[in-house]
N, C-alpha and C. Protein backbone atom coordinates (compact mmCIF):
# COMPACT_ATOMS: atom_id res chain seq x y z
N MET A 1 143.49 144.94 68.96
CA MET A 1 143.71 143.89 67.99
C MET A 1 143.91 142.53 68.65
N GLU A 2 143.77 142.47 69.96
CA GLU A 2 143.91 141.20 70.66
C GLU A 2 142.85 140.20 70.19
N SER A 3 141.63 140.66 69.99
CA SER A 3 140.57 139.75 69.53
C SER A 3 140.87 139.23 68.12
N GLU A 4 141.46 140.07 67.29
CA GLU A 4 141.84 139.65 65.94
C GLU A 4 142.91 138.56 66.01
N SER A 5 143.85 138.70 66.91
CA SER A 5 144.91 137.70 67.08
C SER A 5 144.32 136.38 67.56
N ARG A 6 143.37 136.46 68.47
CA ARG A 6 142.72 135.24 68.97
C ARG A 6 141.96 134.55 67.86
N TYR A 7 141.21 135.33 67.07
CA TYR A 7 140.46 134.75 65.96
C TYR A 7 141.41 134.08 64.97
N SER A 8 142.48 134.74 64.65
CA SER A 8 143.45 134.19 63.71
C SER A 8 144.04 132.89 64.25
N LEU A 9 144.40 132.88 65.51
CA LEU A 9 144.97 131.68 66.12
C LEU A 9 143.97 130.53 66.06
N LEU A 10 142.72 130.79 66.38
CA LEU A 10 141.69 129.74 66.34
C LEU A 10 141.45 129.23 64.93
N SER A 11 141.28 130.14 63.99
CA SER A 11 140.96 129.72 62.63
C SER A 11 142.11 128.99 61.95
N GLU A 12 143.33 129.34 62.31
CA GLU A 12 144.49 128.70 61.68
C GLU A 12 144.76 127.31 62.24
N HIS A 13 144.22 127.00 63.44
CA HIS A 13 144.55 125.72 64.08
C HIS A 13 143.35 124.81 64.33
N THR A 14 142.19 125.19 63.89
CA THR A 14 141.02 124.35 64.09
C THR A 14 141.00 123.21 63.08
N THR A 15 140.33 122.13 63.44
CA THR A 15 140.18 121.03 62.49
C THR A 15 138.93 121.22 61.64
N ASP A 16 138.06 122.15 62.03
CA ASP A 16 136.89 122.50 61.23
C ASP A 16 137.30 123.47 60.14
N THR A 17 136.45 123.61 59.15
CA THR A 17 136.71 124.58 58.09
C THR A 17 136.10 125.92 58.46
N VAL A 18 136.89 126.96 58.36
CA VAL A 18 136.43 128.32 58.62
C VAL A 18 136.65 129.10 57.34
N TRP A 19 135.65 129.86 56.92
CA TRP A 19 135.82 130.68 55.74
C TRP A 19 135.10 132.01 55.91
N LEU A 20 135.56 132.98 55.15
CA LEU A 20 134.94 134.30 55.11
C LEU A 20 134.58 134.60 53.67
N MET A 21 133.48 135.31 53.50
CA MET A 21 133.02 135.68 52.17
C MET A 21 132.71 137.17 52.16
N ASP A 22 132.87 137.78 50.99
CA ASP A 22 132.47 139.17 50.86
C ASP A 22 130.98 139.23 50.52
N MET A 23 130.46 140.41 50.35
CA MET A 23 129.03 140.58 50.10
C MET A 23 128.60 140.09 48.71
N ASN A 24 129.56 139.74 47.86
CA ASN A 24 129.25 139.18 46.55
C ASN A 24 129.36 137.65 46.56
N LEU A 25 129.42 137.09 47.77
CA LEU A 25 129.54 135.65 47.98
C LEU A 25 130.84 135.08 47.40
N LYS A 26 131.88 135.91 47.35
CA LYS A 26 133.21 135.46 46.93
C LYS A 26 134.01 135.14 48.18
N MET A 27 134.56 133.94 48.23
CA MET A 27 135.33 133.53 49.39
C MET A 27 136.62 134.36 49.46
N THR A 28 136.88 134.94 50.63
CA THR A 28 138.07 135.77 50.81
C THR A 28 139.08 135.15 51.77
N TYR A 29 138.64 134.15 52.53
CA TYR A 29 139.55 133.44 53.45
C TYR A 29 139.08 132.01 53.58
N GLN A 30 140.01 131.10 53.67
CA GLN A 30 139.72 129.68 53.90
C GLN A 30 140.78 129.16 54.85
N SER A 31 140.37 128.52 55.92
CA SER A 31 141.33 128.02 56.90
C SER A 31 142.16 126.87 56.30
N PRO A 32 143.37 126.70 56.78
CA PRO A 32 144.26 125.65 56.26
C PRO A 32 143.68 124.24 56.39
N SER A 33 142.81 124.01 57.37
CA SER A 33 142.23 122.68 57.56
C SER A 33 141.43 122.23 56.35
N ALA A 34 141.00 123.15 55.51
CA ALA A 34 140.22 122.80 54.32
C ALA A 34 141.00 121.92 53.37
N GLU A 35 142.30 122.09 53.33
CA GLU A 35 143.11 121.26 52.42
C GLU A 35 142.93 119.78 52.75
N LYS A 36 142.97 119.46 54.01
CA LYS A 36 142.83 118.07 54.44
C LYS A 36 141.39 117.59 54.28
N LEU A 37 140.44 118.43 54.63
CA LEU A 37 139.03 118.03 54.60
C LEU A 37 138.45 118.00 53.19
N ARG A 38 138.91 118.89 52.33
CA ARG A 38 138.29 119.02 51.01
C ARG A 38 139.14 118.51 49.87
N GLY A 39 140.43 118.33 50.10
CA GLY A 39 141.29 117.78 49.06
C GLY A 39 141.78 118.78 48.04
N PHE A 40 141.59 120.05 48.29
CA PHE A 40 142.07 121.12 47.42
C PHE A 40 142.99 122.01 48.24
N THR A 41 143.90 122.72 47.58
CA THR A 41 144.70 123.70 48.30
C THR A 41 143.80 124.88 48.66
N VAL A 42 144.23 125.66 49.63
CA VAL A 42 143.47 126.85 50.02
C VAL A 42 143.29 127.76 48.81
N GLN A 43 144.32 127.95 48.02
CA GLN A 43 144.21 128.83 46.85
C GLN A 43 143.22 128.28 45.83
N GLU A 44 143.22 126.97 45.62
CA GLU A 44 142.25 126.37 44.70
C GLU A 44 140.82 126.62 45.18
N ILE A 45 140.60 126.51 46.47
CA ILE A 45 139.26 126.76 47.02
C ILE A 45 138.88 128.22 46.84
N LEU A 46 139.81 129.12 47.13
CA LEU A 46 139.52 130.56 46.98
C LEU A 46 139.22 130.91 45.54
N ASP A 47 139.84 130.23 44.60
CA ASP A 47 139.63 130.51 43.18
C ASP A 47 138.39 129.82 42.60
N MET A 48 137.86 128.85 43.32
CA MET A 48 136.73 128.06 42.82
C MET A 48 135.42 128.83 43.01
N PRO A 49 134.60 128.93 41.97
CA PRO A 49 133.31 129.61 42.12
C PRO A 49 132.44 128.90 43.16
N LEU A 50 131.66 129.67 43.86
CA LEU A 50 130.81 129.12 44.91
C LEU A 50 129.88 128.03 44.38
N GLU A 51 129.37 128.20 43.17
CA GLU A 51 128.45 127.21 42.62
C GLU A 51 129.10 125.85 42.39
N LYS A 52 130.42 125.80 42.41
CA LYS A 52 131.14 124.53 42.29
C LYS A 52 131.43 123.93 43.67
N GLN A 53 131.11 124.68 44.73
CA GLN A 53 131.44 124.24 46.08
C GLN A 53 130.23 123.82 46.91
N VAL A 54 129.06 124.25 46.53
CA VAL A 54 127.86 123.96 47.30
C VAL A 54 126.77 123.39 46.40
N THR A 55 125.78 122.80 47.03
CA THR A 55 124.65 122.27 46.25
C THR A 55 123.84 123.42 45.67
N PRO A 56 123.10 123.17 44.61
CA PRO A 56 122.24 124.23 44.05
C PRO A 56 121.27 124.81 45.09
N GLU A 57 120.75 123.95 45.96
CA GLU A 57 119.82 124.41 47.00
C GLU A 57 120.52 125.36 47.98
N SER A 58 121.74 125.03 48.37
CA SER A 58 122.48 125.88 49.29
C SER A 58 122.83 127.22 48.65
N LEU A 59 123.19 127.18 47.37
CA LEU A 59 123.51 128.41 46.65
C LEU A 59 122.28 129.31 46.56
N LYS A 60 121.14 128.72 46.28
CA LYS A 60 119.89 129.49 46.19
C LYS A 60 119.57 130.14 47.53
N LEU A 61 119.71 129.40 48.61
CA LEU A 61 119.44 129.93 49.95
C LEU A 61 120.41 131.07 50.28
N ALA A 62 121.69 130.87 50.02
CA ALA A 62 122.68 131.92 50.30
C ALA A 62 122.37 133.18 49.49
N THR A 63 122.02 132.99 48.23
CA THR A 63 121.70 134.14 47.37
C THR A 63 120.48 134.88 47.89
N GLU A 64 119.47 134.14 48.32
CA GLU A 64 118.26 134.77 48.86
C GLU A 64 118.55 135.54 50.15
N LEU A 65 119.43 135.01 50.97
CA LEU A 65 119.75 135.65 52.25
C LEU A 65 120.56 136.92 52.09
N PHE A 66 121.43 136.96 51.10
CA PHE A 66 122.34 138.08 50.95
C PHE A 66 121.89 139.13 49.93
N PHE A 67 120.97 138.76 49.04
CA PHE A 67 120.57 139.72 48.00
C PHE A 67 119.11 140.02 48.04
């Protein structure tokens, strides 16, 4: 679990946004830096549908890649 601890440490302290999604394109993790970069709380971002977070073109590409 050392690699998991390293990943957690990096994602929690980076200034970039890190996120994880499940196979249904539902966001399951959002790094704390997103609050500063995006202006929403982490929970608000996790609750927000993907189509409200990305452009229609990006959503189409993601859907094509995963489904």
